[in-house]
Protein backbone atom coordinates (compact mmCIF):
# COMPACT_ATOMS: atom_id res chain seq x y z
CA MET A 1 75.00 57.09 55.88
CA THR A 2 72.00 59.00 54.63
CA GLY A 3 73.20 62.33 53.98
CA THR A 4 74.65 65.13 56.07
CA VAL A 5 72.48 66.28 59.26
CA THR A 6 73.54 69.69 61.20
CA LEU A 7 72.79 69.41 64.94
CA TYR A 8 73.46 72.42 67.37
CA THR A 9 73.27 71.62 70.70
CA ASP A 10 73.34 73.38 74.03
CA GLY A 11 72.75 72.96 77.79
CA ALA A 12 71.65 75.52 80.65
CA CYS A 13 71.28 75.71 84.17
CA LYS A 14 69.87 78.07 86.79
CA GLY A 15 72.40 77.57 89.59
CA ASN A 16 74.85 74.85 88.95
CA PRO A 17 73.58 72.75 90.27
CA GLY A 18 69.81 73.77 89.85
CA PRO A 19 66.96 73.47 87.47
CA GLY A 20 68.49 72.74 83.85
CA GLY A 21 67.29 72.37 80.53
CA TRP A 22 69.10 71.03 76.99
CA GLY A 23 68.21 71.81 73.62
CA ALA A 24 68.78 70.71 70.20
CA LEU A 25 68.35 72.00 66.61
CA LEU A 26 68.50 69.44 63.85
CA SER A 27 68.44 70.29 60.28
CA HIS A 28 68.84 68.60 57.02
CA GLY A 29 68.40 70.02 53.74
CA GLU A 30 65.23 72.56 54.03
CA ARG A 31 64.02 70.45 56.87
CA SER A 32 64.35 71.28 60.74
CA ARG A 33 63.53 69.81 64.08
CA GLU A 34 63.84 71.25 67.75
CA LEU A 35 64.11 69.20 70.64
CA PHE A 36 64.32 70.52 74.13
CA GLY A 37 63.85 69.23 77.78
CA GLY A 38 64.93 69.61 81.31
CA GLU A 39 65.38 68.33 84.76
CA ARG A 40 64.58 69.87 88.09
CA ALA A 41 68.12 69.13 89.63
CA THR A 42 70.92 68.77 87.35
CA THR A 43 74.26 70.47 86.35
CA ASN A 44 75.41 72.35 83.20
CA ASN A 45 77.62 69.70 82.05
CA ARG A 46 74.86 67.17 82.23
CA MET A 47 72.46 69.37 80.21
CA GLU A 48 75.23 69.66 77.60
CA LEU A 49 75.49 66.02 77.30
CA MET A 50 71.67 65.60 77.32
CA ALA A 51 71.52 67.98 74.36
CA ALA A 52 73.96 65.94 72.30
CA ILE A 53 72.53 62.38 73.38
CA GLU A 54 68.73 63.48 72.58
CA GLY A 55 69.95 65.19 69.38
CA LEU A 56 71.71 62.09 68.13
CA LYS A 57 68.96 59.75 69.35
CA ALA A 58 66.23 61.68 67.32
CA LEU A 59 67.98 60.33 64.10
CA LYS A 60 66.20 57.34 62.70
CA ARG A 61 69.27 56.09 60.47
CA PRO A 62 72.90 56.26 60.68
CA CYS A 63 73.95 59.87 59.15
CA LEU A 64 77.06 61.92 58.70
CA VAL A 65 76.59 64.57 61.33
CA ASP A 66 78.21 67.93 61.69
CA LEU A 67 77.38 68.65 65.43
CA TYR A 68 78.18 72.00 67.10
CA THR A 69 78.42 72.56 70.71
CA ASP A 70 79.91 75.26 72.87
CA SER A 71 80.99 72.97 75.36
CA GLN A 72 84.66 72.26 75.38
CA TYR A 73 83.69 69.44 78.05
CA VAL A 74 81.58 67.74 75.61
CA ARG A 75 83.72 68.06 72.63
CA LYS A 76 86.98 67.26 74.41
CA GLY A 77 85.43 64.35 76.46
CA ILE A 78 84.28 62.57 73.20
CA THR A 79 87.22 63.53 71.18
CA GLU A 80 90.08 63.12 73.55
CA TRP A 81 89.52 61.79 77.10
CA MET A 82 86.76 58.82 76.41
CA ALA A 83 89.17 56.37 74.92
CA GLY A 84 91.45 56.65 78.20
CA TRP A 85 88.33 56.48 80.34
CA LYS A 86 86.99 53.43 78.72
CA LYS A 87 90.74 51.82 78.89
CA ASN A 88 90.78 52.59 82.58
CA GLY A 89 87.33 50.97 83.48
CA TRP A 90 85.38 54.42 83.57
CA LYS A 91 88.24 56.06 85.71
CA THR A 92 90.23 59.18 85.23
CA ALA A 93 93.98 59.51 84.84
CA ALA A 94 93.95 60.15 88.77
CA ARG A 95 91.93 56.86 89.21
CA LYS A 96 88.83 58.66 90.18
CA PRO A 97 85.36 57.71 88.96
CA VAL A 98 84.40 59.87 85.43
CA LYS A 99 81.77 62.30 86.41
CA ASN A 100 78.54 61.49 84.48
CA ALA A 101 79.57 58.30 83.29
CA ASP A 102 75.96 57.42 82.61
CA LEU A 103 75.87 60.12 80.15
CA TRP A 104 79.44 59.52 78.49
CA ARG A 105 78.04 55.82 78.05
CA ALA A 106 74.80 56.92 76.36
CA LEU A 107 76.58 59.57 74.19
CA ASP A 108 79.21 56.87 73.23
CA GLU A 109 76.07 54.33 72.29
CA GLU A 110 74.64 57.33 69.97
CA VAL A 111 77.87 58.33 68.73
CA ALA A 112 78.64 54.57 67.38
CA ARG A 113 75.77 55.06 65.26
CA HIS A 114 76.72 57.76 63.25
CA GLU A 115 79.72 59.49 61.67
CA ILE A 116 80.09 62.65 63.84
CA ARG A 117 82.29 65.64 62.64
CA TRP A 118 82.68 67.81 66.02
CA HIS A 119 82.84 71.40 65.99
CA TRP A 120 83.14 74.28 68.90
CA VAL A 121 81.42 77.33 68.65
CA LYS A 122 82.03 79.94 71.12
CA GLY A 123 78.64 80.69 72.97
CA HIS A 124 76.43 83.72 72.94
CA SER A 125 78.66 85.02 69.71
CA GLY A 126 75.56 85.53 67.41
CA VAL A 127 76.12 82.01 65.53
CA PRO A 128 72.36 81.57 64.80
CA GLY A 129 72.00 77.79 65.17
CA ASN A 130 73.85 78.04 68.66
CA GLU A 131 71.80 80.94 69.95
CA ARG A 132 68.68 78.80 68.92
CA ALA A 133 69.96 75.90 70.89
CA ASP A 134 70.50 77.84 73.72
CA ALA A 135 66.88 79.36 73.75
CA LEU A 136 65.46 75.73 73.48
CA ALA A 137 67.64 75.02 76.42
CA ASN A 138 66.16 77.78 78.32
CA LEU A 139 62.86 76.76 77.35
CA GLY A 140 63.28 73.33 78.83
CA ILE A 141 63.82 74.93 82.03
CA GLU A 142 60.91 77.24 81.75
CA LYS A 143 58.56 74.46 80.93
CA LEU A 144 59.82 72.75 84.48
CA ALA A 145 58.66 75.95 86.16
CA SER A 146 55.17 75.76 84.52
CA ALA A 147 54.78 72.16 84.95
């Protein structure tokens, strides 16, 4: 591990489904990096997952990561539900296919490269990193409109 990275992630959607964006704010010491993107037809949950995936993917080496998200879906999915989904062949306890399994698998791959401490923060509560990630997610949506 090459040091502790702080990663704030957020997703946004205008309509659910609808155009959506994701944002990630990475910081390590005095350095920081902002990432964002979007999709024309998506859901808020997919954008929350994309923010975490893309933020982790941007790390070139294995790191200790403090990942902050305002999405209980992402935090609980990775820390509580995923082990069961994998054991059940990517089916829920009710034997239904896991929604967004493609992104959960991608997140699982990225998580395997790092040591991650998962943190939940209340959205829109004035946490600077979360507010910036939210702004980046909305920028992802804005860029779609201007493309």
